[in-house]
Structure formats: structure tokens, C-alpha cells
Amino acid sequence: MKVLIDTNIILDWLQKREPFFSEAYHIMRQCLSKSDLEGYVSSHSLCDVFFILRKEFSSENRFQLIHFLSSHFNVIAETQEDFIRVTTDPTAKDLEDGLQMVCAEKEHLDYIITRNLEDYMCSEVPAISPKDFYRLAR
């Protein structure tokens, strides 16, 4: 199964945010174990993670973290066409969410794992919560 890991799941894992950490940990661990779950992240998610963690981690540690994620997950790069598609879509409400949907769609992924299900109502690729995905993947 191929899944896009939304930025909030990565941050739940890295920041050990409760009550979300346990589910995020299991999903990330399953992706990292290279079992039957193939993890994808968008390139903009990596940039967001680097920026958001600036108060908690040094630049050196954040570069190591992004290197680790880039080495263990498939990174989907956004193109000019992806930005144009999202910004001209009358149903798009948020640039980041729109790019996540476009990335998942162009890579033919099975799910987008996110805690923000309401933001993905019009997604071609189904969005699933970490809790529901964890139950499904067991």
C-alpha cells in the first residue's frame, strides 16, 4: 500500500504531540520498516517541517532530520503545473492541502493519512485518519 503522510502526522511523531503521538509513531515506524507500507511525503512538507521545528532543533539537527526523511520516504516534488492546478481550482480552500491532494493523485497513492479529514473532502485520493488507518493496517 502506498500512502502520503501529511505534515501534521510527521509533526505529531517528531514533537511527540499528545494524544496523537502513538498512532503517528506506529504509522511512521511501519513506513520506515519497509514492510507492506510505502511512505510518501511532499517536498513542501519537508520544508514546512524544517521551518516549524526551528525553535526546537538546531539547523544542523533539522538538516539531519530532513536527510533522514528524504532517505526513507519517497519525496514527491511539486511542479509549476501543480501550483497552477491548485490555484485555479475553484474548490481549493488551502494551498498546502491542495498540493497534498495533487501529489497523492499524480503518484496514484492509496491514501492520504491526515488528521484534517475535512480539508480533503474533494480529494481524488481518499483521506484517512491515523486512527482509522492504524485499525485498517493491523
N, C-alpha and C. Protein backbone atom coordinates (compact mmCIF):
# COMPACT_ATOMS: atom_id res chain seq x y z
N MET A 1 0.85 -1.17 0.00
CA MET A 1 0.00 0.00 0.00
C MET A 1 0.90 1.24 0.00
N LYS A 2 0.50 2.24 -0.75
CA LYS A 2 1.26 3.48 -0.86
C LYS A 2 0.44 4.63 -0.26
N VAL A 3 1.08 5.35 0.67
CA VAL A 3 0.36 6.41 1.40
C VAL A 3 1.17 7.70 1.45
N LEU A 4 0.45 8.81 1.38
CA LEU A 4 1.06 10.12 1.60
C LEU A 4 0.89 10.46 3.07
N ILE A 5 1.99 10.78 3.71
CA ILE A 5 1.95 11.18 5.12
C ILE A 5 1.85 12.70 5.17
N ASP A 6 0.74 13.19 5.71
CA ASP A 6 0.54 14.64 5.80
C ASP A 6 1.49 15.23 6.84
N THR A 7 1.76 16.50 6.70
CA THR A 7 2.70 17.20 7.57
C THR A 7 2.33 17.05 9.04
N ASN A 8 1.04 17.10 9.36
CA ASN A 8 0.64 17.03 10.76
C ASN A 8 1.00 15.69 11.39
N ILE A 9 1.03 14.61 10.62
CA ILE A 9 1.40 13.30 11.15
C ILE A 9 2.91 13.27 11.45
N ILE A 10 3.70 13.82 10.55
CA ILE A 10 5.15 13.89 10.77
C ILE A 10 5.44 14.70 12.04
N LEU A 11 4.76 15.83 12.19
CA LEU A 11 4.98 16.68 13.37
C LEU A 11 4.47 16.01 14.65
N ASP A 12 3.36 15.28 14.59
CA ASP A 12 2.88 14.54 15.76
C ASP A 12 3.95 13.56 16.23
N TRP A 13 4.59 12.92 15.27
CA TRP A 13 5.64 11.94 15.57
C TRP A 13 6.88 12.62 16.15
N LEU A 14 7.36 13.63 15.46
CA LEU A 14 8.61 14.28 15.87
C LEU A 14 8.49 15.08 17.17
N GLN A 15 7.35 15.71 17.35
CA GLN A 15 7.16 16.54 18.54
C GLN A 15 6.48 15.77 19.67
N LYS A 16 6.17 14.51 19.42
CA LYS A 16 5.51 13.65 20.41
C LYS A 16 4.25 14.33 20.96
N ARG A 17 3.46 14.87 20.01
CA ARG A 17 2.25 15.61 20.39
C ARG A 17 1.18 14.63 20.84
N GLU A 18 0.70 14.85 22.02
CA GLU A 18 -0.38 14.03 22.57
C GLU A 18 -1.71 14.71 22.31
N PRO A 19 -2.74 13.95 22.07
CA PRO A 19 -2.85 12.48 22.16
C PRO A 19 -2.58 11.77 20.83
N PHE A 20 -1.86 12.38 19.93
CA PHE A 20 -1.71 11.86 18.57
C PHE A 20 -0.43 11.06 18.34
N PHE A 21 0.51 11.13 19.27
CA PHE A 21 1.83 10.56 19.06
C PHE A 21 1.80 9.06 18.76
N SER A 22 1.07 8.30 19.53
CA SER A 22 1.11 6.84 19.41
C SER A 22 0.73 6.37 18.00
N GLU A 23 -0.36 6.88 17.48
CA GLU A 23 -0.78 6.48 16.13
C GLU A 23 0.23 6.94 15.08
N ALA A 24 0.72 8.17 15.22
CA ALA A 24 1.72 8.68 14.27
C ALA A 24 2.99 7.84 14.34
N TYR A 25 3.40 7.48 15.54
CA TYR A 25 4.60 6.66 15.72
C TYR A 25 4.45 5.33 14.98
N HIS A 26 3.33 4.67 15.17
CA HIS A 26 3.13 3.36 14.53
C HIS A 26 3.10 3.46 13.01
N ILE A 27 2.48 4.49 12.50
CA ILE A 27 2.44 4.69 11.04
C ILE A 27 3.84 4.96 10.51
N MET A 28 4.55 5.86 11.15
CA MET A 28 5.91 6.17 10.70
C MET A 28 6.82 4.96 10.82
N ARG A 29 6.70 4.23 11.90
CA ARG A 29 7.52 3.02 12.09
C ARG A 29 7.23 2.00 11.00
N GLN A 30 5.97 1.83 10.66
CA GLN A 30 5.61 0.87 9.62
C GLN A 30 6.18 1.31 8.26
N CYS A 31 6.13 2.59 7.96
CA CYS A 31 6.73 3.09 6.71
C CYS A 31 8.24 2.89 6.72
N LEU A 32 8.87 3.16 7.85
CA LEU A 32 10.32 3.06 7.94
C LEU A 32 10.81 1.62 7.91
N SER A 33 9.97 0.70 8.31
CA SER A 33 10.37 -0.71 8.31
C SER A 33 10.33 -1.33 6.93
N LYS A 34 9.85 -0.57 5.96
CA LYS A 34 9.75 -1.03 4.56
C LYS A 34 8.96 -2.33 4.46
N SER A 35 7.93 -2.42 5.30
CA SER A 35 7.05 -3.58 5.24
C SER A 35 6.16 -3.46 4.01
N ASP A 36 4.90 -3.61 4.19
CA ASP A 36 3.97 -3.51 3.07
C ASP A 36 3.43 -2.09 2.90
N LEU A 37 3.96 -1.16 3.67
CA LEU A 37 3.51 0.22 3.62
C LEU A 37 4.63 1.10 3.06
N GLU A 38 4.36 1.70 1.91
CA GLU A 38 5.34 2.56 1.27
C GLU A 38 4.94 4.01 1.53
N GLY A 39 5.81 4.73 2.25
CA GLY A 39 5.50 6.09 2.65
C GLY A 39 5.99 7.13 1.66
N TYR A 40 5.18 8.13 1.43
CA TYR A 40 5.48 9.27 0.56
C TYR A 40 5.29 10.55 1.35
N VAL A 41 6.11 11.54 1.05
CA VAL A 41 5.94 12.90 1.59
C VAL A 41 6.12 13.87 0.45
N SER A 42 5.45 15.00 0.54
CA SER A 42 5.64 16.04 -0.47
C SER A 42 6.86 16.86 -0.10
N SER A 43 7.49 17.43 -1.10
CA SER A 43 8.68 18.25 -0.83
C SER A 43 8.32 19.46 0.01
N HIS A 44 7.13 20.01 -0.18
CA HIS A 44 6.77 21.18 0.64
C HIS A 44 6.55 20.78 2.10
N SER A 45 6.15 19.55 2.36
CA SER A 45 6.03 19.10 3.75
C SER A 45 7.39 19.11 4.45
N LEU A 46 8.41 18.70 3.72
CA LEU A 46 9.75 18.70 4.31
C LEU A 46 10.19 20.13 4.63
N CYS A 47 9.88 21.07 3.75
CA CYS A 47 10.20 22.48 4.01
C CYS A 47 9.41 22.99 5.21
N ASP A 48 8.14 22.63 5.29
CA ASP A 48 7.31 23.06 6.42
C ASP A 48 7.85 22.51 7.73
N VAL A 49 8.21 21.23 7.75
CA VAL A 49 8.76 20.60 8.95
C VAL A 49 10.05 21.32 9.38
N PHE A 50 10.91 21.58 8.42
CA PHE A 50 12.17 22.28 8.73
C PHE A 50 11.89 23.62 9.39
N PHE A 51 10.94 24.36 8.84
CA PHE A 51 10.61 25.69 9.37
C PHE A 51 9.92 25.60 10.73
N ILE A 52 8.94 24.74 10.86
CA ILE A 52 8.15 24.64 12.09
C ILE A 52 9.01 24.22 13.28
N LEU A 53 10.00 23.37 13.04
CA LEU A 53 10.83 22.86 14.13
C LEU A 53 12.01 23.77 14.49
N ARG A 54 12.06 24.97 13.93
CA ARG A 54 13.21 25.86 14.11
C ARG A 54 13.44 26.26 15.57
N LYS A 55 12.38 26.31 16.39
CA LYS A 55 12.54 26.71 17.79
C LYS A 55 12.95 25.53 18.68
N GLU A 56 12.74 24.32 18.18
CA GLU A 56 13.03 23.14 18.99
C GLU A 56 14.35 22.47 18.65
N PHE A 57 14.81 22.64 17.41
CA PHE A 57 16.01 21.94 16.96
C PHE A 57 16.94 22.91 16.24
N SER A 58 18.22 22.66 16.35
CA SER A 58 19.20 23.47 15.63
C SER A 58 19.08 23.22 14.13
N SER A 59 19.68 24.11 13.35
CA SER A 59 19.69 23.92 11.89
C SER A 59 20.35 22.59 11.54
N GLU A 60 21.44 22.28 12.20
CA GLU A 60 22.14 21.02 11.93
C GLU A 60 21.24 19.81 12.17
N ASN A 61 20.53 19.82 13.30
CA ASN A 61 19.62 18.71 13.60
C ASN A 61 18.46 18.63 12.62
N ARG A 62 17.96 19.79 12.22
CA ARG A 62 16.86 19.79 11.26
C ARG A 62 17.33 19.30 9.89
N PHE A 63 18.53 19.66 9.48
CA PHE A 63 19.07 19.14 8.22
C PHE A 63 19.23 17.62 8.31
N GLN A 64 19.69 17.12 9.44
CA GLN A 64 19.83 15.67 9.61
C GLN A 64 18.47 14.99 9.54
N LEU A 65 17.49 15.61 10.15
CA LEU A 65 16.14 15.06 10.14
C LEU A 65 15.57 15.02 8.72
N ILE A 66 15.71 16.10 7.98
CA ILE A 66 15.20 16.15 6.61
C ILE A 66 15.97 15.14 5.74
N HIS A 67 17.25 15.00 5.97
CA HIS A 67 18.04 13.99 5.26
C HIS A 67 17.50 12.59 5.55
N PHE A 68 17.22 12.33 6.82
CA PHE A 68 16.68 11.03 7.22
C PHE A 68 15.34 10.76 6.52
N LEU A 69 14.43 11.72 6.59
CA LEU A 69 13.12 11.54 5.96
C LEU A 69 13.26 11.37 4.45
N SER A 70 14.11 12.16 3.83
CA SER A 70 14.32 12.07 2.38
C SER A 70 14.93 10.74 1.98
N SER A 71 15.69 10.15 2.86
CA SER A 71 16.33 8.87 2.58
C SER A 71 15.40 7.68 2.76
N HIS A 72 14.36 7.87 3.57
CA HIS A 72 13.49 6.73 3.90
C HIS A 72 12.07 6.82 3.35
N PHE A 73 11.72 7.97 2.81
CA PHE A 73 10.40 8.14 2.22
C PHE A 73 10.57 8.56 0.77
N ASN A 74 9.59 8.26 -0.04
CA ASN A 74 9.56 8.76 -1.41
C ASN A 74 9.13 10.22 -1.35
N VAL A 75 9.91 11.11 -1.93
CA VAL A 75 9.61 12.53 -1.90
C VAL A 75 8.98 12.92 -3.23
N ILE A 76 7.81 13.53 -3.15
CA ILE A 76 7.09 13.97 -4.34
C ILE A 76 7.35 15.47 -4.53
N ALA A 77 7.97 15.81 -5.62
CA ALA A 77 8.26 17.21 -5.92
C ALA A 77 7.06 17.84 -6.64
N GLU A 78 6.71 19.03 -6.21
CA GLU A 78 5.64 19.77 -6.86
C GLU A 78 6.21 20.51 -8.07
N THR A 79 5.39 20.63 -9.08
CA THR A 79 5.79 21.31 -10.30
C THR A 79 5.01 22.61 -10.46
N GLN A 80 5.42 23.38 -11.44
CA GLN A 80 4.69 24.60 -11.77
C GLN A 80 3.24 24.27 -12.09
N GLU A 81 3.03 23.21 -12.84
CA GLU A 81 1.67 22.80 -13.20
C GLU A 81 0.83 22.45 -11.97
N ASP A 82 1.46 21.85 -10.96
CA ASP A 82 0.74 21.52 -9.73
C ASP A 82 0.24 22.78 -9.03
N PHE A 83 1.10 23.80 -8.95
CA PHE A 83 0.69 25.06 -8.32
C PHE A 83 -0.41 25.74 -9.12
N ILE A 84 -0.29 25.72 -10.44
CA ILE A 84 -1.32 26.33 -11.28
C ILE A 84 -2.64 25.60 -11.13
N ARG A 85 -2.57 24.28 -11.09
CA ARG A 85 -3.79 23.48 -10.93
C ARG A 85 -4.51 23.82 -9.63
N VAL A 86 -3.76 23.89 -8.54
CA VAL A 86 -4.39 24.17 -7.25
C VAL A 86 -4.92 25.60 -7.19
N THR A 87 -4.14 26.55 -7.68
CA THR A 87 -4.55 27.95 -7.55
C THR A 87 -5.66 28.36 -8.52
N THR A 88 -5.95 27.52 -9.49
CA THR A 88 -7.08 27.81 -10.39
C THR A 88 -8.27 26.89 -10.14
N ASP A 89 -8.19 26.04 -9.15
CA ASP A 89 -9.28 25.14 -8.80
C ASP A 89 -10.27 25.88 -7.92
N PRO A 90 -11.49 26.09 -8.38
CA PRO A 90 -12.46 26.86 -7.58
C PRO A 90 -12.86 26.15 -6.28
N THR A 91 -12.62 24.84 -6.17
CA THR A 91 -12.96 24.14 -4.94
C THR A 91 -11.83 24.17 -3.91
N ALA A 92 -10.64 24.60 -4.32
CA ALA A 92 -9.49 24.62 -3.41
C ALA A 92 -9.69 25.67 -2.33
N LYS A 93 -9.43 25.27 -1.11
CA LYS A 93 -9.57 26.18 0.03
C LYS A 93 -8.21 26.53 0.64
N ASP A 94 -7.19 25.69 0.39
CA ASP A 94 -5.90 25.87 1.03
C ASP A 94 -4.81 25.36 0.09
N LEU A 95 -3.76 26.13 -0.07
CA LEU A 95 -2.67 25.76 -0.98
C LEU A 95 -1.99 24.47 -0.55
N GLU A 96 -1.62 24.37 0.72
CA GLU A 96 -0.90 23.19 1.20
C GLU A 96 -1.73 21.92 1.03
N ASP A 97 -2.99 21.96 1.42
CA ASP A 97 -3.85 20.79 1.27
C ASP A 97 -4.06 20.45 -0.20
N GLY A 98 -4.24 21.47 -1.02
CA GLY A 98 -4.41 21.23 -2.45
C GLY A 98 -3.20 20.57 -3.06
N LEU A 99 -2.01 21.01 -2.66
CA LEU A 99 -0.79 20.37 -3.17
C LEU A 99 -0.67 18.94 -2.68
N GLN A 100 -1.06 18.68 -1.44
CA GLN A 100 -1.03 17.30 -0.94
C GLN A 100 -1.93 16.41 -1.81
N MET A 101 -3.11 16.89 -2.13
CA MET A 101 -4.04 16.11 -2.95
C MET A 101 -3.47 15.85 -4.34
N VAL A 102 -2.91 16.89 -4.96
CA VAL A 102 -2.33 16.75 -6.29
C VAL A 102 -1.17 15.76 -6.26
N CYS A 103 -0.33 15.85 -5.25
CA CYS A 103 0.82 14.93 -5.13
C CYS A 103 0.34 13.49 -5.00
N ALA A 104 -0.63 13.25 -4.15
CA ALA A 104 -1.13 11.89 -3.96
C ALA A 104 -1.77 11.35 -5.23
N GLU A 105 -2.48 12.22 -5.92
CA GLU A 105 -3.16 11.80 -7.15
C GLU A 105 -2.15 11.47 -8.26
N LYS A 106 -1.15 12.31 -8.45
CA LYS A 106 -0.22 12.08 -9.56
C LYS A 106 0.66 10.86 -9.32
N GLU A 107 0.82 10.44 -8.07
CA GLU A 107 1.60 9.24 -7.76
C GLU A 107 0.72 8.01 -7.59
N HIS A 108 -0.59 8.17 -7.79
CA HIS A 108 -1.55 7.06 -7.69
C HIS A 108 -1.47 6.37 -6.33
N LEU A 109 -1.48 7.18 -5.27
CA LEU A 109 -1.39 6.63 -3.93
C LEU A 109 -2.74 6.11 -3.47
N ASP A 110 -2.70 5.26 -2.46
CA ASP A 110 -3.93 4.64 -1.95
C ASP A 110 -4.66 5.52 -0.94
N TYR A 111 -3.89 6.22 -0.10
CA TYR A 111 -4.48 7.07 0.94
C TYR A 111 -3.61 8.28 1.22
N ILE A 112 -4.26 9.31 1.76
CA ILE A 112 -3.58 10.42 2.41
C ILE A 112 -3.88 10.26 3.89
N ILE A 113 -2.84 10.08 4.69
CA ILE A 113 -3.05 9.95 6.13
C ILE A 113 -2.91 11.33 6.75
N THR A 114 -3.99 11.79 7.37
CA THR A 114 -4.05 13.14 7.93
C THR A 114 -5.04 13.19 9.08
N ARG A 115 -4.83 14.15 9.97
CA ARG A 115 -5.84 14.42 10.99
C ARG A 115 -6.86 15.44 10.52
N ASN A 116 -6.64 16.06 9.39
CA ASN A 116 -7.52 17.12 8.88
C ASN A 116 -8.43 16.59 7.78
N LEU A 117 -9.24 15.62 8.09
CA LEU A 117 -10.07 14.98 7.07
C LEU A 117 -11.00 15.96 6.36
N GLU A 118 -11.50 16.94 7.09
CA GLU A 118 -12.45 17.89 6.48
C GLU A 118 -11.80 18.70 5.36
N ASP A 119 -10.48 18.82 5.39
CA ASP A 119 -9.78 19.58 4.34
C ASP A 119 -9.59 18.78 3.06
N TYR A 120 -9.92 17.51 3.09
CA TYR A 120 -9.68 16.62 1.95
C TYR A 120 -10.97 16.01 1.41
N MET A 121 -12.08 16.68 1.64
CA MET A 121 -13.38 16.14 1.21
C MET A 121 -13.47 15.96 -0.31
N CYS A 122 -12.80 16.81 -1.07
CA CYS A 122 -12.89 16.73 -2.53
C CYS A 122 -11.67 16.05 -3.15
N SER A 123 -10.92 15.34 -2.35
CA SER A 123 -9.71 14.69 -2.85
C SER A 123 -10.04 13.44 -3.66
N GLU A 124 -9.32 13.28 -4.77
CA GLU A 124 -9.45 12.07 -5.59
C GLU A 124 -8.91 10.85 -4.82
N VAL A 125 -7.87 11.08 -4.04
CA VAL A 125 -7.28 10.02 -3.21
C VAL A 125 -7.93 10.12 -1.84
N PRO A 126 -8.50 9.02 -1.34
CA PRO A 126 -9.19 9.10 -0.05
C PRO A 126 -8.26 9.49 1.09
N ALA A 127 -8.76 10.36 1.94
CA ALA A 127 -8.04 10.74 3.16
C ALA A 127 -8.56 9.86 4.29
N ILE A 128 -7.62 9.48 5.17
CA ILE A 128 -7.99 8.61 6.29
C ILE A 128 -7.26 9.11 7.53
N SER A 129 -7.93 9.02 8.66
CA SER A 129 -7.31 9.45 9.90
C SER A 129 -6.27 8.43 10.34
N PRO A 130 -5.31 8.85 11.13
CA PRO A 130 -4.32 7.89 11.64
C PRO A 130 -4.97 6.75 12.41
N LYS A 131 -5.97 7.08 13.19
CA LYS A 131 -6.67 6.05 13.99
C LYS A 131 -7.32 5.02 13.08
N ASP A 132 -8.05 5.48 12.07
CA ASP A 132 -8.71 4.55 11.15
C ASP A 132 -7.69 3.77 10.32
N PHE A 133 -6.62 4.45 9.92
CA PHE A 133 -5.60 3.75 9.14
C PHE A 133 -4.89 2.69 9.99
N TYR A 134 -4.61 3.02 11.23
CA TYR A 134 -3.95 2.06 12.13
C TYR A 134 -4.81 0.83 12.29
N ARG A 135 -6.11 1.01 12.42
CA ARG A 135 -7.04 -0.15 12.53
C ARG A 135 -7.02 -0.96 11.23
N LEU A 136 -7.04 -0.27 10.11
CA LEU A 136 -7.05 -0.91 8.79
C LEU A 136 -5.76 -1.70 8.53
N ALA A 137 -4.65 -1.14 8.93
CA ALA A 137 -3.34 -1.73 8.60
C ALA A 137 -2.90 -2.83 9.56
N ARG A 138 -3.59 -3.01 10.64
CA ARG A 138 -3.18 -4.04 11.60
C ARG A 138 -3.35 -5.41 11.06
